[in-house]
C-alpha atoms as a PDB file:
ATOM      1  CA  MET A   1     102.106 125.355  99.224  1.00  0.00           C
ATOM      2  CA  LEU A   2     100.694 122.064  98.066  1.00  0.00           C
ATOM      3  CA  ALA A   3      99.267 121.283  94.659  1.00  0.00           C
ATOM      4  CA  MET A   4      95.506 121.184  94.264  1.00  0.00           C
ATOM      5  CA  SER A   5      95.580 117.393  93.857  1.00  0.00           C
ATOM      6  CA  ASP A   6      97.291 117.052  97.259  1.00  0.00           C
ATOM      7  CA  ILE A   7      94.785 119.397  98.896  1.00  0.00           C
ATOM      8  CA  LYS A   8      91.876 117.427  97.449  1.00  0.00           C
ATOM      9  CA  CYS A   9      93.489 114.197  98.641  1.00  0.00           C
ATOM     10  CA  ILE A  10      93.798 115.580 102.184  1.00  0.00           C
ATOM     11  CA  LYS A  11      90.146 116.668 102.162  1.00  0.00           C
ATOM     12  CA  LEU A  12      89.069 113.271 100.851  1.00  0.00           C
ATOM     13  CA  LEU A  13      91.020 111.380 103.518  1.00  0.00           C
ATOM     14  CA  ARG A  14      89.683 113.599 106.294  1.00  0.00           C
ATOM     15  CA  ASN A  15      86.035 113.979 105.271  1.00  0.00           C
ATOM     16  CA  GLN A  16      85.154 110.721 103.530  1.00  0.00           C
ATOM     17  CA  LYS A  17      87.629 108.217 104.986  1.00  0.00           C
ATOM     18  CA  GLY A  18      87.584 109.765 108.452  1.00  0.00           C
ATOM     19  CA  LEU A  19      91.326 109.506 109.049  1.00  0.00           C
ATOM     20  CA  SER A  20      93.009 111.496 111.812  1.00  0.00           C
ATOM     21  CA  LEU A  21      95.365 114.365 111.054  1.00  0.00           C
ATOM     22  CA  SER A  22      98.418 112.424 112.231  1.00  0.00           C
ATOM     23  CA  LYS A  23      97.482 109.443 110.027  1.00  0.00           C
ATOM     24  CA  ILE A  24      97.041 111.757 106.998  1.00  0.00           C
ATOM     25  CA  ALA A  25     100.398 113.389 107.755  1.00  0.00           C
ATOM     26  CA  GLU A  26     102.114 109.986 107.924  1.00  0.00           C
ATOM     27  CA  THR A  27     100.467 108.763 104.729  1.00  0.00           C
ATOM     28  CA  LEU A  28     101.332 111.822 102.639  1.00  0.00           C
ATOM     29  CA  HIS A  29     104.674 112.561 104.360  1.00  0.00           C
ATOM     30  CA  ILE A  30     103.726 116.101 105.359  1.00  0.00           C
ATOM     31  CA  ASN A  31     103.645 118.007 108.624  1.00  0.00           C
ATOM     32  CA  TRP A  32     100.492 117.522 110.722  1.00  0.00           C
ATOM     33  CA  ARG A  33      99.978 121.325 110.778  1.00  0.00           C
ATOM     34  CA  THR A  34      99.826 121.328 106.982  1.00  0.00           C
ATOM     35  CA  ALA A  35      97.315 118.483 107.055  1.00  0.00           C
ATOM     36  CA  LYS A  36      95.208 120.392 109.600  1.00  0.00           C
ATOM     37  CA  LYS A  37      95.378 123.569 107.541  1.00  0.00           C
ATOM     38  CA  TYR A  38      93.996 121.956 104.394  1.00  0.00           C
ATOM     39  CA  ALA A  39      91.712 119.350 105.985  1.00  0.00           C
ATOM     40  CA  ASP A  40      89.708 121.505 108.362  1.00  0.00           C
ATOM     41  CA  GLU A  41      89.623 124.904 106.670  1.00  0.00           C
ATOM     42  CA  GLU A  42      87.465 125.773 103.690  1.00  0.00           C
ATOM     43  CA  GLN A  43      90.219 127.987 102.388  1.00  0.00           C
ATOM     44  CA  ILE A  44      91.481 126.999  98.942  1.00  0.00           C
ATOM     45  CA  PRO A  45      94.631 128.750  97.753  1.00  0.00           C
ATOM     46  CA  VAL A  46      94.135 131.206  94.928  1.00  0.00           C
ATOM     47  CA  PRO A  47      96.997 131.503  92.477  1.00  0.00           C
ATOM     48  CA  SER A  48      98.440 134.964  92.780  1.00  0.00           C
ATOM     49  CA  GLY A  49      99.424 136.521  89.514  1.00  0.00           C
ATOM     50  CA  ARG A  50     100.312 140.105  88.895  1.00  0.00           C
ATOM     51  CA  PRO A  51      98.742 141.655  85.840  1.00  0.00           C
ATOM     52  CA  LYS A  52     101.348 142.223  83.194  1.00  0.00           C
ATOM     53  CA  ARG A  53     101.959 145.830  82.350  1.00  0.00           C
ATOM     54  CA  GLY A  54     104.238 147.775  80.094  1.00  0.00           C
ATOM     55  CA  MET A  55     104.877 148.423  76.448  1.00  0.00           C
ATOM     56  CA  MET A  56     105.187 144.744  75.577  1.00  0.00           C
ATOM     57  CA  TYR A  57     101.651 143.973  76.755  1.00  0.00           C
ATOM     58  CA  GLU A  58      99.671 147.195  76.365  1.00  0.00           C
ATOM     59  CA  GLU A  59     100.782 148.394  72.942  1.00  0.00           C
ATOM     60  CA  LYS A  60     101.263 146.853  69.520  1.00  0.00           C
ATOM     61  CA  TRP A  61     105.055 146.984  69.814  1.00  0.00           C
ATOM     62  CA  GLY A  62     105.170 143.918  72.028  1.00  0.00           C
ATOM     63  CA  VAL A  63     103.663 141.758  69.303  1.00  0.00           C
ATOM     64  CA  MET A  64     106.200 143.088  66.832  1.00  0.00           C
ATOM     65  CA  VAL A  65     109.149 142.386  69.122  1.00  0.00           C
ATOM     66  CA  SER A  66     107.908 138.884  69.925  1.00  0.00           C
ATOM     67  CA  ASP A  67     107.579 138.208  66.176  1.00  0.00           C
ATOM     68  CA  TRP A  68     111.152 139.415  65.651  1.00  0.00           C
ATOM     69  CA  LEU A  69     112.381 137.142  68.432  1.00  0.00           C
ATOM     70  CA  PHE A  70     110.490 134.203  66.954  1.00  0.00           C
ATOM     71  CA  GLU A  71     112.014 134.859  63.525  1.00  0.00           C
ATOM     72  CA  ASP A  72     115.487 135.214  65.014  1.00  0.00           C
ATOM     73  CA  GLY A  73     115.038 131.967  66.905  1.00  0.00           C
ATOM     74  CA  ARG A  74     115.170 130.104  63.600  1.00  0.00           C
ATOM     75  CA  LEU A  75     118.469 131.721  62.579  1.00  0.00           C
ATOM     76  CA  LYS A  76     121.977 130.705  63.546  1.00  0.00           C
ATOM     77  CA  LYS A  77     123.177 132.266  66.754  1.00  0.00           C
ATOM     78  CA  LYS A  78     125.644 134.598  65.033  1.00  0.00           C
ATOM     79  CA  LEU A  79     122.936 135.955  62.717  1.00  0.00           C
ATOM     80  CA  ARG A  80     120.419 136.812  65.452  1.00  0.00           C
ATOM     81  CA  ARG A  81     119.720 140.386  66.488  1.00  0.00           C
ATOM     82  CA  THR A  82     121.194 141.630  69.723  1.00  0.00           C
ATOM     83  CA  LYS A  83     119.245 143.580  72.337  1.00  0.00           C
ATOM     84  CA  LYS A  84     120.812 146.763  71.063  1.00  0.00           C
ATOM     85  CA  GLN A  85     119.815 146.034  67.463  1.00  0.00           C
ATOM     86  CA  LEU A  86     116.245 145.212  68.520  1.00  0.00           C
ATOM     87  CA  PHE A  87     116.077 148.473  70.471  1.00  0.00           C
ATOM     88  CA  GLN A  88     117.391 150.502  67.521  1.00  0.00           C
ATOM     89  CA  GLU A  89     114.924 148.912  65.093  1.00  0.00           C
ATOM     90  CA  LEU A  90     112.057 149.497  67.484  1.00  0.00           C
ATOM     91  CA  LYS A  91     113.125 153.092  68.039  1.00  0.00           C
ATOM     92  CA  ASN A  92     113.332 153.682  64.275  1.00  0.00           C
ATOM     93  CA  MET A  93     109.930 152.057  63.774  1.00  0.00           C
ATOM     94  CA  ILE A  94     108.306 154.228  66.448  1.00  0.00           C
ATOM     95  CA  PHE A  95     109.935 157.343  64.973  1.00  0.00           C
ATOM     96  CA  ARG A  96     108.592 156.520  61.504  1.00  0.00           C
ATOM     97  CA  VAL A  97     105.092 155.920  62.847  1.00  0.00           C
ATOM     98  CA  LEU A  98     105.050 159.118  64.892  1.00  0.00           C
ATOM     99  CA  THR A  99     106.435 161.318  62.117  1.00  0.00           C
ATOM    100  CA  GLY A 100     104.551 159.590  59.307  1.00  0.00           C
ATOM    101  CA  ARG A 101     107.721 158.775  57.378  1.00  0.00           C
ATOM    102  CA  PHE A 102     106.942 155.543  55.629  1.00  0.00           C
ATOM    103  CA  THR A 103     109.280 154.662  52.795  1.00  0.00           C
ATOM    104  CA  SER A 104     108.883 151.757  50.501  1.00  0.00           C
ATOM    105  CA  SER A 105     112.035 149.723  50.027  1.00  0.00           C
ATOM    106  CA  PHE A 106     111.103 149.252  46.359  1.00  0.00           C
ATOM    107  CA  LYS A 107     110.875 152.973  45.694  1.00  0.00           C
ATOM    108  CA  SER A 108     114.073 153.812  47.536  1.00  0.00           C
ATOM    109  CA  GLY A 109     115.905 150.995  45.752  1.00  0.00           C
ATOM    110  CA  LYS A 110     114.633 152.178  42.372  1.00  0.00           C
ATOM    111  CA  HIS A 111     115.697 155.733  43.213  1.00  0.00           C
ATOM    112  CA  ASN A 112     119.198 154.589  44.217  1.00  0.00           C
ATOM    113  CA  LYS A 113     119.616 152.671  40.937  1.00  0.00           C
ATOM    114  CA  LYS A 114     118.806 155.819  38.966  1.00  0.00           C
ATOM    115  CA  ARG A 115     121.493 157.695  40.893  1.00  0.00           C
ATOM    116  CA  GLN A 116     124.064 155.022  40.116  1.00  0.00           C
ATOM    117  CA  ARG A 117     123.412 155.178  36.362  1.00  0.00           C
ATOM    118  CA  ILE A 118     124.037 158.925  36.215  1.00  0.00           C
END
């Protein structure tokens, strides 16, 4: 498929300049059938794109994972999270949200310090 600029060029050469299909094909170094297709038909190609589906696009988890990947992109390669680590963190996060188990790192750290003193 040709780019839109090429298609517009073919239409311009055919409609306004009045060049023949073979002359257009020679000028643009394309097949004469391609020149005929875009010069004479009113059909303009529509970019085909499938709608993105899945957890990464439909739920809030995708934003979280993309943020993690962005943060890890700044780290050295050895310090980045692996796919398995990302999956485990995401699984733990989903479990905490579904069960309502939110723990503050400050509180748990304070609690652990008290245990160490005893």
